C-alpha atoms as a PDB file:
ATOM      1  CA  MET A   1      -0.003   0.003  -0.005  1.00  0.00           C
ATOM      2  CA  LEU A   2       1.120   3.544  -0.690  1.00  0.00           C
ATOM      3  CA  GLU A   3       2.112   5.529   2.406  1.00  0.00           C
ATOM      4  CA  LEU A   4       1.820   9.305   2.664  1.00  0.00           C
ATOM      5  CA  TYR A   5       3.980  11.058   5.267  1.00  0.00           C
ATOM      6  CA  GLN A   6       2.087  14.253   5.932  1.00  0.00           C
ATOM      7  CA  PHE A   7       0.757  17.011   8.149  1.00  0.00           C
ATOM      8  CA  GLU A   8      -3.019  16.897   8.244  1.00  0.00           C
ATOM      9  CA  LEU A   9      -3.305  20.681   7.922  1.00  0.00           C
ATOM     10  CA  SER A  10      -0.633  21.060   5.242  1.00  0.00           C
ATOM     11  CA  GLN A  11      -2.207  22.283   2.009  1.00  0.00           C
ATOM     12  CA  TYR A  12       0.519  20.542  -0.004  1.00  0.00           C
ATOM     13  CA  SER A  13      -0.309  17.277   1.745  1.00  0.00           C
ATOM     14  CA  GLU A  14      -3.969  17.900   0.947  1.00  0.00           C
ATOM     15  CA  LYS A  15      -3.098  18.460  -2.703  1.00  0.00           C
ATOM     16  CA  VAL A  16      -1.524  14.983  -2.788  1.00  0.00           C
ATOM     17  CA  ARG A  17      -4.437  13.399  -0.890  1.00  0.00           C
ATOM     18  CA  LEU A  18      -6.883  14.829  -3.424  1.00  0.00           C
ATOM     19  CA  ILE A  19      -4.759  13.481  -6.293  1.00  0.00           C
ATOM     20  CA  LEU A  20      -4.580  10.033  -4.681  1.00  0.00           C
ATOM     21  CA  ASP A  21      -8.340   9.989  -4.189  1.00  0.00           C
ATOM     22  CA  TYR A  22      -8.956  11.187  -7.732  1.00  0.00           C
ATOM     23  CA  LYS A  23      -6.835   8.326  -9.042  1.00  0.00           C
ATOM     24  CA  GLU A  24      -8.678   5.959  -6.683  1.00  0.00           C
ATOM     25  CA  LEU A  25      -5.429   4.744  -5.153  1.00  0.00           C
ATOM     26  CA  GLU A  26      -5.441   3.126  -1.720  1.00  0.00           C
ATOM     27  CA  TYR A  27      -3.019   4.721   0.714  1.00  0.00           C
ATOM     28  CA  ARG A  28      -2.248   5.082   4.396  1.00  0.00           C
ATOM     29  CA  LYS A  29      -1.663   8.455   6.020  1.00  0.00           C
ATOM     30  CA  ILE A  30       1.250   8.720   8.440  1.00  0.00           C
ATOM     31  CA  GLU A  31       1.097  11.908  10.520  1.00  0.00           C
ATOM     32  CA  VAL A  32       4.579  13.294  11.035  1.00  0.00           C
ATOM     33  CA  THR A  33       5.329  14.953  14.383  1.00  0.00           C
ATOM     34  CA  PRO A  34       6.915  18.374  13.720  1.00  0.00           C
ATOM     35  CA  GLY A  35      10.592  18.365  14.689  1.00  0.00           C
ATOM     36  CA  VAL A  36      11.300  14.838  15.945  1.00  0.00           C
ATOM     37  CA  GLY A  37       9.133  13.175  13.329  1.00  0.00           C
ATOM     38  CA  GLN A  38      10.811  15.157  10.571  1.00  0.00           C
ATOM     39  CA  ILE A  39      14.213  13.917  11.742  1.00  0.00           C
ATOM     40  CA  GLU A  40      12.916  10.356  11.588  1.00  0.00           C
ATOM     41  CA  LEU A  41      11.503  11.009   8.117  1.00  0.00           C
ATOM     42  CA  MET A  42      14.878  12.390   7.008  1.00  0.00           C
ATOM     43  CA  GLN A  43      16.586   9.214   8.220  1.00  0.00           C
ATOM     44  CA  LYS A  44      14.132   7.045   6.274  1.00  0.00           C
ATOM     45  CA  SER A  45      13.739   8.980   3.059  1.00  0.00           C
ATOM     46  CA  GLY A  46      16.410  11.641   2.855  1.00  0.00           C
ATOM     47  CA  HIS A  47      13.705  14.325   2.976  1.00  0.00           C
ATOM     48  CA  ARG A  48      12.573  16.432   5.926  1.00  0.00           C
ATOM     49  CA  GLN A  49       9.654  18.333   4.434  1.00  0.00           C
ATOM     50  CA  VAL A  50       6.233  16.750   3.903  1.00  0.00           C
ATOM     51  CA  PRO A  51       4.524  15.485   1.873  1.00  0.00           C
ATOM     52  CA  VAL A  52       6.626  12.434   1.117  1.00  0.00           C
ATOM     53  CA  LEU A  53       5.092   9.414  -0.639  1.00  0.00           C
ATOM     54  CA  LYS A  54       6.418   5.894  -0.120  1.00  0.00           C
ATOM     55  CA  ASP A  55       5.713   3.380  -2.867  1.00  0.00           C
ATOM     56  CA  GLY A  56       7.404   0.096  -2.022  1.00  0.00           C
ATOM     57  CA  ASN A  57      11.054   1.038  -1.470  1.00  0.00           C
ATOM     58  CA  THR A  58      10.747   4.324  -3.358  1.00  0.00           C
ATOM     59  CA  TYR A  59      10.350   7.660  -1.606  1.00  0.00           C
ATOM     60  CA  ILE A  60       9.127  10.718  -3.540  1.00  0.00           C
ATOM     61  CA  ALA A  61       9.151  14.224  -2.050  1.00  0.00           C
ATOM     62  CA  ASP A  62       7.456  17.436  -3.239  1.00  0.00           C
ATOM     63  CA  SER A  63       3.777  17.514  -4.183  1.00  0.00           C
ATOM     64  CA  THR A  64       4.458  18.185  -7.889  1.00  0.00           C
ATOM     65  CA  GLU A  65       7.010  15.381  -8.176  1.00  0.00           C
ATOM     66  CA  ILE A  66       4.574  13.056  -6.404  1.00  0.00           C
ATOM     67  CA  ALA A  67       1.813  13.987  -8.866  1.00  0.00           C
ATOM     68  CA  LEU A  68       4.016  13.357 -11.908  1.00  0.00           C
ATOM     69  CA  TYR A  69       5.305  10.083 -10.433  1.00  0.00           C
ATOM     70  CA  LEU A  70       1.777   8.847  -9.794  1.00  0.00           C
ATOM     71  CA  ASP A  71       0.752   9.741 -13.340  1.00  0.00           C
ATOM     72  CA  ARG A  72       3.651   7.714 -14.759  1.00  0.00           C
ATOM     73  CA  LYS A  73       3.290   4.741 -12.431  1.00  0.00           C
ATOM     74  CA  TYR A  74      -0.509   4.657 -12.297  1.00  0.00           C
ATOM     75  CA  PRO A  75      -1.716   6.061 -15.657  1.00  0.00           C
ATOM     76  CA  GLU A  76      -5.415   5.366 -15.078  1.00  0.00           C
ATOM     77  CA  ARG A  77      -7.366   8.618 -14.677  1.00  0.00           C
ATOM     78  CA  PRO A  78      -4.510  10.766 -16.037  1.00  0.00           C
ATOM     79  CA  LEU A  79      -3.672  14.131 -14.508  1.00  0.00           C
ATOM     80  CA  LEU A  80      -2.252  15.775 -17.648  1.00  0.00           C
ATOM     81  CA  PRO A  81      -4.290  16.448 -20.819  1.00  0.00           C
ATOM     82  CA  GLU A  82      -3.170  14.850 -24.073  1.00  0.00           C
ATOM     83  CA  ASN A  83      -3.680  18.044 -26.072  1.00  0.00           C
ATOM     84  CA  PRO A  84      -0.299  19.879 -26.088  1.00  0.00           C
ATOM     85  CA  VAL A  85      -1.785  23.343 -25.509  1.00  0.00           C
ATOM     86  CA  GLU A  86      -4.019  22.163 -22.676  1.00  0.00           C
ATOM     87  CA  ARG A  87      -1.121  20.203 -21.197  1.00  0.00           C
ATOM     88  CA  GLY A  88       1.007  23.336 -21.176  1.00  0.00           C
ATOM     89  CA  GLN A  89      -1.766  25.378 -19.605  1.00  0.00           C
ATOM     90  CA  CYS A  90      -2.277  22.701 -16.962  1.00  0.00           C
ATOM     91  CA  LEU A  91       1.411  22.698 -15.976  1.00  0.00           C
ATOM     92  CA  LEU A  92       1.530  26.482 -15.837  1.00  0.00           C
ATOM     93  CA  ILE A  93      -1.530  26.704 -13.589  1.00  0.00           C
ATOM     94  CA  GLU A  94      -0.188  23.992 -11.290  1.00  0.00           C
ATOM     95  CA  GLU A  95       3.131  25.790 -10.900  1.00  0.00           C
ATOM     96  CA  TRP A  96       1.352  29.111 -10.334  1.00  0.00           C
ATOM     97  CA  ALA A  97      -0.938  27.562  -7.708  1.00  0.00           C
ATOM     98  CA  ASP A  98       2.017  26.185  -5.744  1.00  0.00           C
ATOM     99  CA  SER A  99       3.719  29.557  -5.507  1.00  0.00           C
ATOM    100  CA  SER A 100       0.659  31.778  -5.232  1.00  0.00           C
ATOM    101  CA  ILE A 101      -2.204  29.997  -3.432  1.00  0.00           C
ATOM    102  CA  GLY A 102       0.212  27.704  -1.597  1.00  0.00           C
ATOM    103  CA  LEU A 103       2.816  30.132  -0.291  1.00  0.00           C
ATOM    104  CA  LYS A 104       0.606  33.204   0.037  1.00  0.00           C
ATOM    105  CA  GLY A 105      -2.131  31.143   1.609  1.00  0.00           C
ATOM    106  CA  ARG A 106       0.347  30.023   4.265  1.00  0.00           C
ATOM    107  CA  LYS A 107       1.257  33.656   5.010  1.00  0.00           C
ATOM    108  CA  ALA A 108      -2.408  34.597   5.311  1.00  0.00           C
ATOM    109  CA  PHE A 109      -2.993  31.621   7.586  1.00  0.00           C
ATOM    110  CA  ILE A 110      -0.096  32.714   9.840  1.00  0.00           C
ATOM    111  CA  GLY A 111      -1.608  36.201   9.889  1.00  0.00           C
ATOM    112  CA  ALA A 112      -4.826  34.696  11.230  1.00  0.00           C
ATOM    113  CA  LEU A 113      -2.800  32.900  13.930  1.00  0.00           C
ATOM    114  CA  ASN A 114      -1.291  36.214  14.993  1.00  0.00           C
ATOM    115  CA  GLN A 115      -4.659  37.948  15.066  1.00  0.00           C
ATOM    116  CA  TYR A 116      -6.762  35.316  16.867  1.00  0.00           C
ATOM    117  CA  GLN A 117      -5.331  34.124  20.196  1.00  0.00           C
ATOM    118  CA  ASN A 118      -7.632  31.089  20.540  1.00  0.00           C
ATOM    119  CA  PHE A 119      -6.710  30.023  17.009  1.00  0.00           C
ATOM    120  CA  ARG A 120      -3.025  30.257  17.931  1.00  0.00           C
ATOM    121  CA  THR A 121      -3.246  28.056  21.015  1.00  0.00           C
ATOM    122  CA  SER A 122      -5.603  25.504  19.469  1.00  0.00           C
ATOM    123  CA  ILE A 123      -3.014  24.308  16.949  1.00  0.00           C
ATOM    124  CA  LEU A 124      -0.597  23.332  19.748  1.00  0.00           C
ATOM    125  CA  PRO A 125      -0.300  19.581  20.368  1.00  0.00           C
ATOM    126  CA  LYS A 126      -2.712  18.231  22.973  1.00  0.00           C
ATOM    127  CA  GLU A 127       0.231  17.159  25.148  1.00  0.00           C
ATOM    128  CA  VAL A 128       1.337  20.772  25.728  1.00  0.00           C
ATOM    129  CA  PRO A 129       0.578  21.771  29.346  1.00  0.00           C
ATOM    130  CA  ASP A 130      -2.154  24.323  29.958  1.00  0.00           C
ATOM    131  CA  LEU A 131       0.421  26.684  31.490  1.00  0.00           C
ATOM    132  CA  VAL A 132       2.361  26.816  28.231  1.00  0.00           C
ATOM    133  CA  LYS A 133      -0.865  27.300  26.254  1.00  0.00           C
ATOM    134  CA  ASN A 134      -1.797  30.204  28.511  1.00  0.00           C
ATOM    135  CA  ILE A 135       1.610  31.815  27.930  1.00  0.00           C
ATOM    136  CA  VAL A 136       1.286  31.424  24.168  1.00  0.00           C
ATOM    137  CA  SER A 137      -2.230  32.852  24.263  1.00  0.00           C
ATOM    138  CA  ALA A 138      -1.027  35.862  26.221  1.00  0.00           C
ATOM    139  CA  ILE A 139       1.625  36.857  23.652  1.00  0.00           C
ATOM    140  CA  PRO A 140       0.438  40.071  21.972  1.00  0.00           C
ATOM    141  CA  GLY A 141      -0.195  39.785  18.246  1.00  0.00           C
ATOM    142  CA  GLU A 142       1.907  42.910  17.719  1.00  0.00           C
ATOM    143  CA  PHE A 143       4.911  41.138  19.219  1.00  0.00           C
ATOM    144  CA  LEU A 144       4.441  38.150  16.908  1.00  0.00           C
ATOM    145  CA  ASP A 145       4.183  40.585  14.027  1.00  0.00           C
ATOM    146  CA  VAL A 146       7.584  42.040  14.931  1.00  0.00           C
ATOM    147  CA  LEU A 147       9.125  38.566  15.138  1.00  0.00           C
ATOM    148  CA  GLY A 148       7.588  37.575  11.842  1.00  0.00           C
ATOM    149  CA  THR A 149       8.940  40.630  10.081  1.00  0.00           C
ATOM    150  CA  GLY A 150      12.473  39.265  10.260  1.00  0.00           C
ATOM    151  CA  VAL A 151      11.521  36.125   8.331  1.00  0.00           C
ATOM    152  CA  GLY A 152       9.135  37.654   5.835  1.00  0.00           C
ATOM    153  CA  LEU A 153       5.990  36.947   7.839  1.00  0.00           C
ATOM    154  CA  GLY A 154       5.320  40.333   9.388  1.00  0.00           C
ATOM    155  CA  GLY A 155       2.137  42.354   9.097  1.00  0.00           C
ATOM    156  CA  ASP A 156       3.064  43.978   5.792  1.00  0.00           C
ATOM    157  CA  ALA A 157       3.892  40.622   4.216  1.00  0.00           C
ATOM    158  CA  VAL A 158       0.602  39.159   5.441  1.00  0.00           C
ATOM    159  CA  LYS A 159      -1.357  42.131   4.096  1.00  0.00           C
ATOM    160  CA  GLU A 160       0.351  41.803   0.712  1.00  0.00           C
ATOM    161  CA  ALA A 161      -0.388  38.052   0.645  1.00  0.00           C
ATOM    162  CA  ASN A 162      -4.059  38.694   1.428  1.00  0.00           C
ATOM    163  CA  LYS A 163      -4.226  41.333  -1.299  1.00  0.00           C
ATOM    164  CA  CYS A 164      -2.741  38.960  -3.890  1.00  0.00           C
ATOM    165  CA  LEU A 165      -5.048  36.140  -2.782  1.00  0.00           C
ATOM    166  CA  GLN A 166      -8.056  38.405  -3.215  1.00  0.00           C
ATOM    167  CA  GLN A 167      -7.040  39.057  -6.800  1.00  0.00           C
ATOM    168  CA  ASP A 168      -6.357  35.347  -7.399  1.00  0.00           C
ATOM    169  CA  LEU A 169      -9.720  34.261  -6.018  1.00  0.00           C
ATOM    170  CA  GLU A 170     -11.584  36.901  -7.994  1.00  0.00           C
ATOM    171  CA  ALA A 171      -9.838  35.797 -11.198  1.00  0.00           C
ATOM    172  CA  LEU A 172     -10.595  32.118 -10.503  1.00  0.00           C
ATOM    173  CA  SER A 173     -14.232  32.961  -9.746  1.00  0.00           C
ATOM    174  CA  LEU A 174     -14.566  34.723 -13.096  1.00  0.00           C
ATOM    175  CA  ILE A 175     -12.842  31.904 -15.017  1.00  0.00           C
ATOM    176  CA  LEU A 176     -15.007  29.200 -13.446  1.00  0.00           C
ATOM    177  CA  GLN A 177     -18.371  30.916 -13.791  1.00  0.00           C
ATOM    178  CA  ASN A 178     -19.300  29.126 -17.002  1.00  0.00           C
ATOM    179  CA  ARG A 179     -16.871  26.215 -17.258  1.00  0.00           C
ATOM    180  CA  PRO A 180     -16.544  23.003 -15.280  1.00  0.00           C
ATOM    181  CA  TYR A 181     -12.751  22.896 -15.066  1.00  0.00           C
ATOM    182  CA  LEU A 182      -9.747  25.187 -15.424  1.00  0.00           C
ATOM    183  CA  VAL A 183      -8.396  23.416 -18.498  1.00  0.00           C
ATOM    184  CA  GLY A 184     -10.668  21.675 -21.002  1.00  0.00           C
ATOM    185  CA  ASP A 185     -13.735  19.617 -20.152  1.00  0.00           C
ATOM    186  CA  SER A 186     -12.103  17.107 -17.808  1.00  0.00           C
ATOM    187  CA  PRO A 187     -10.396  17.454 -14.429  1.00  0.00           C
ATOM    188  CA  SER A 188      -6.632  17.768 -14.516  1.00  0.00           C
ATOM    189  CA  LEU A 189      -3.674  18.414 -12.250  1.00  0.00           C
ATOM    190  CA  ALA A 190      -4.482  22.125 -12.483  1.00  0.00           C
ATOM    191  CA  ASP A 191      -7.901  21.628 -10.854  1.00  0.00           C
ATOM    192  CA  LEU A 192      -6.661  19.263  -8.165  1.00  0.00           C
ATOM    193  CA  ALA A 193      -3.732  21.527  -7.270  1.00  0.00           C
ATOM    194  CA  VAL A 194      -5.863  24.677  -7.021  1.00  0.00           C
ATOM    195  CA  ALA A 195      -8.619  22.932  -5.082  1.00  0.00           C
ATOM    196  CA  GLY A 196      -6.300  21.149  -2.659  1.00  0.00           C
ATOM    197  CA  LEU A 197      -4.066  24.122  -1.974  1.00  0.00           C
ATOM    198  CA  SER A 198      -7.066  26.314  -1.159  1.00  0.00           C
ATOM    199  CA  VAL A 199      -7.989  24.150   1.802  1.00  0.00           C
ATOM    200  CA  ILE A 200      -6.517  26.486   4.447  1.00  0.00           C
ATOM    201  CA  LEU A 201      -8.212  29.514   2.914  1.00  0.00           C
ATOM    202  CA  LYS A 202     -11.575  27.925   3.673  1.00  0.00           C
ATOM    203  CA  PHE A 203     -11.953  24.422   5.032  1.00  0.00           C
ATOM    204  CA  PRO A 204     -14.496  22.445   3.008  1.00  0.00           C
ATOM    205  CA  GLU A 205     -17.705  21.095   4.439  1.00  0.00           C
ATOM    206  CA  GLY A 206     -17.793  17.350   4.868  1.00  0.00           C
ATOM    207  CA  ASP A 207     -15.605  14.735   6.516  1.00  0.00           C
ATOM    208  CA  TYR A 208     -12.520  15.222   4.347  1.00  0.00           C
ATOM    209  CA  LEU A 209     -10.096  16.386   7.037  1.00  0.00           C
ATOM    210  CA  ASP A 210      -9.565  15.332  10.637  1.00  0.00           C
ATOM    211  CA  ILE A 211     -10.604  18.682  12.088  1.00  0.00           C
ATOM    212  CA  PRO A 212     -13.275  19.752  14.611  1.00  0.00           C
ATOM    213  CA  GLU A 213     -16.817  19.864  13.259  1.00  0.00           C
ATOM    214  CA  GLN A 214     -17.207  23.571  14.024  1.00  0.00           C
ATOM    215  CA  LEU A 215     -14.229  24.444  11.807  1.00  0.00           C
ATOM    216  CA  LYS A 216     -15.727  22.977   8.630  1.00  0.00           C
ATOM    217  CA  GLY A 217     -16.801  25.642   6.178  1.00  0.00           C
ATOM    218  CA  LYS A 218     -14.788  28.271   8.106  1.00  0.00           C
ATOM    219  CA  GLY A 219     -11.612  29.999   7.007  1.00  0.00           C
ATOM    220  CA  ILE A 220      -9.556  33.166   6.832  1.00  0.00           C
ATOM    221  CA  PRO A 221     -11.733  36.260   7.408  1.00  0.00           C
ATOM    222  CA  GLY A 222     -12.046  38.427   4.312  1.00  0.00           C
ATOM    223  CA  LEU A 223     -11.410  35.479   2.020  1.00  0.00           C
ATOM    224  CA  ALA A 224     -13.627  32.617   3.169  1.00  0.00           C
ATOM    225  CA  ASP A 225     -16.632  34.833   3.863  1.00  0.00           C
ATOM    226  CA  ASN A 226     -16.471  37.181   0.869  1.00  0.00           C
ATOM    227  CA  ILE A 227     -19.458  36.788  -1.462  1.00  0.00           C
ATOM    228  CA  ILE A 228     -17.303  37.730  -4.468  1.00  0.00           C
ATOM    229  CA  TYR A 229     -15.385  34.461  -4.152  1.00  0.00           C
ATOM    230  CA  GLU A 230     -18.424  32.217  -3.720  1.00  0.00           C
ATOM    231  CA  PRO A 231     -18.202  30.888  -7.323  1.00  0.00           C
ATOM    232  CA  PHE A 232     -14.693  29.641  -6.656  1.00  0.00           C
ATOM    233  CA  PHE A 233     -15.435  27.969  -3.330  1.00  0.00           C
ATOM    234  CA  ALA A 234     -18.644  26.464  -4.746  1.00  0.00           C
ATOM    235  CA  TRP A 235     -16.570  24.990  -7.595  1.00  0.00           C
ATOM    236  CA  ARG A 236     -13.953  23.749  -5.137  1.00  0.00           C
ATOM    237  CA  ASP A 237     -16.603  22.055  -3.021  1.00  0.00           C
ATOM    238  CA  ARG A 238     -18.052  20.336  -6.139  1.00  0.00           C
ATOM    239  CA  VAL A 239     -14.592  18.972  -6.947  1.00  0.00           C
ATOM    240  CA  TYR A 240     -14.341  17.655  -3.375  1.00  0.00           C
ATOM    241  CA  ALA A 241     -17.810  16.128  -3.440  1.00  0.00           C
ATOM    242  CA  GLN A 242     -17.031  14.325  -6.669  1.00  0.00           C
ATOM    243  CA  TYR A 243     -13.460  13.146  -6.113  1.00  0.00           C
ATOM    244  CA  ARG A 244     -12.300  13.499  -2.489  1.00  0.00           C
ATOM    245  CA  LYS A 245     -12.868  10.539  -0.184  1.00  0.00           C
ATOM    246  CA  SER A 246     -14.033  11.079   3.387  1.00  0.00           C
ATOM    247  CA  SER A 247     -11.456  10.895   6.164  1.00  0.00           C
ATOM    248  CA  GLY A 248     -13.145   7.736   7.426  1.00  0.00           C
ATOM    249  CA  SER A 249     -12.896   5.975   4.083  1.00  0.00           C
ATOM    250  CA  THR A 250     -11.263   2.555   4.027  1.00  0.00           C
ATOM    251  CA  THR A 251      -8.930   3.802   1.286  1.00  0.00           C
ATOM    252  CA  SER A 252      -7.526   6.557   3.476  1.00  0.00           C
ATOM    253  CA  LYS A 253      -6.184   5.281   6.801  1.00  0.00           C
ATOM    254  CA  THR A 254      -4.189   7.168   9.412  1.00  0.00           C
ATOM    255  CA  ASP A 255      -1.252   5.914  11.435  1.00  0.00           C
ATOM    256  CA  GLY A 256       0.819   7.742  14.000  1.00  0.00           C
ATOM    257  CA  SER A 257      -0.200  10.608  16.242  1.00  0.00           C
ATOM    258  CA  ALA A 258      -3.505  12.344  15.794  1.00  0.00           C
ATOM    259  CA  PRO A 259      -3.492  15.712  14.054  1.00  0.00           C
ATOM    260  CA  THR A 260      -3.700  18.824  16.167  1.00  0.00           C
ATOM    261  CA  SER A 261      -7.151  20.254  16.792  1.00  0.00           C
ATOM    262  CA  ILE A 262      -8.213  23.788  15.947  1.00  0.00           C
ATOM    263  CA  GLU A 263     -10.935  25.905  17.495  1.00  0.00           C
ATOM    264  CA  ILE A 264     -11.916  29.386  16.321  1.00  0.00           C
ATOM    265  CA  GLU A 265     -14.448  31.591  18.049  1.00  0.00           C
END
C-alpha cells in the first residue's frame, strides 16, 4: 500500500491526498510529528519536508514530483491532458498555484494565527501543558508581528499576501463561472492543485479532514466569507464532493499521532 507522510493541515499534503483519491489509489496516512518526526523522516527517506510518498522502497518528495510520479506509475485517470496546448496550460496553472495560493495562503494563515489568540493556542499539540498554552495565548499579536517581520511573515507581508489572494480568487471565480474545469472539459492536475491548496483559505464542508466539526466551512476572514469568491469555493466544493474521499474511508487510513485540533471563536 502507498504511504503518505504528511501534516493533516498542510495544504501541499492535501493536494496529494486529493490526487490520490482522484486516481482511486489506496493509501495510508502517516502523521509526522513536527521536529522529531521530521528527523525520523529524514533518516528514512532523505527528505525532511512533507509530503513524502512511499511506494514500495521508493520515496518521492514534493507535491508536484509526487503527482508526476503517480501519473507515470498509475496512468489510469490521467492528470495531464493529451492536447499539447491544454497540457502546457495545466502545468503552468499547477506551478502558479504552488507559488501563489500555496505560499501566500500560508502567510495569510499565519496572519490569522497572529490575530486570533484562541486560534493560535488551538493548533498546539494536545500534550502541551495548559500553562504553556496560557503563555502562548497571552503573547500580543503585535509582538508576533515584529518577530515575523524578520523572516518575511510580518504584518506587511501578510497584508500583501491577502491582497494577492483576493485578486487570485476573484480571477478564478470569473474563469469558473461558465466552465466545469480550469483546462478543457475534464479534471486535470491544475484543478486538483488549485482545489487542494485552497484548503486552508476555507476548510471544506464534509468529513474530508480530521478537524473539529465547528471548523468545517470556516476559514480566513475576508477570504472565506467574501461573497465575491463564492463561485470559486462552490466549484472547489463540487470537486471535493465528486473526487475526495471522506477521512473515514477505508482507502484513506491514518497511522501515528492524531493531528492537532483547531478551534476558532
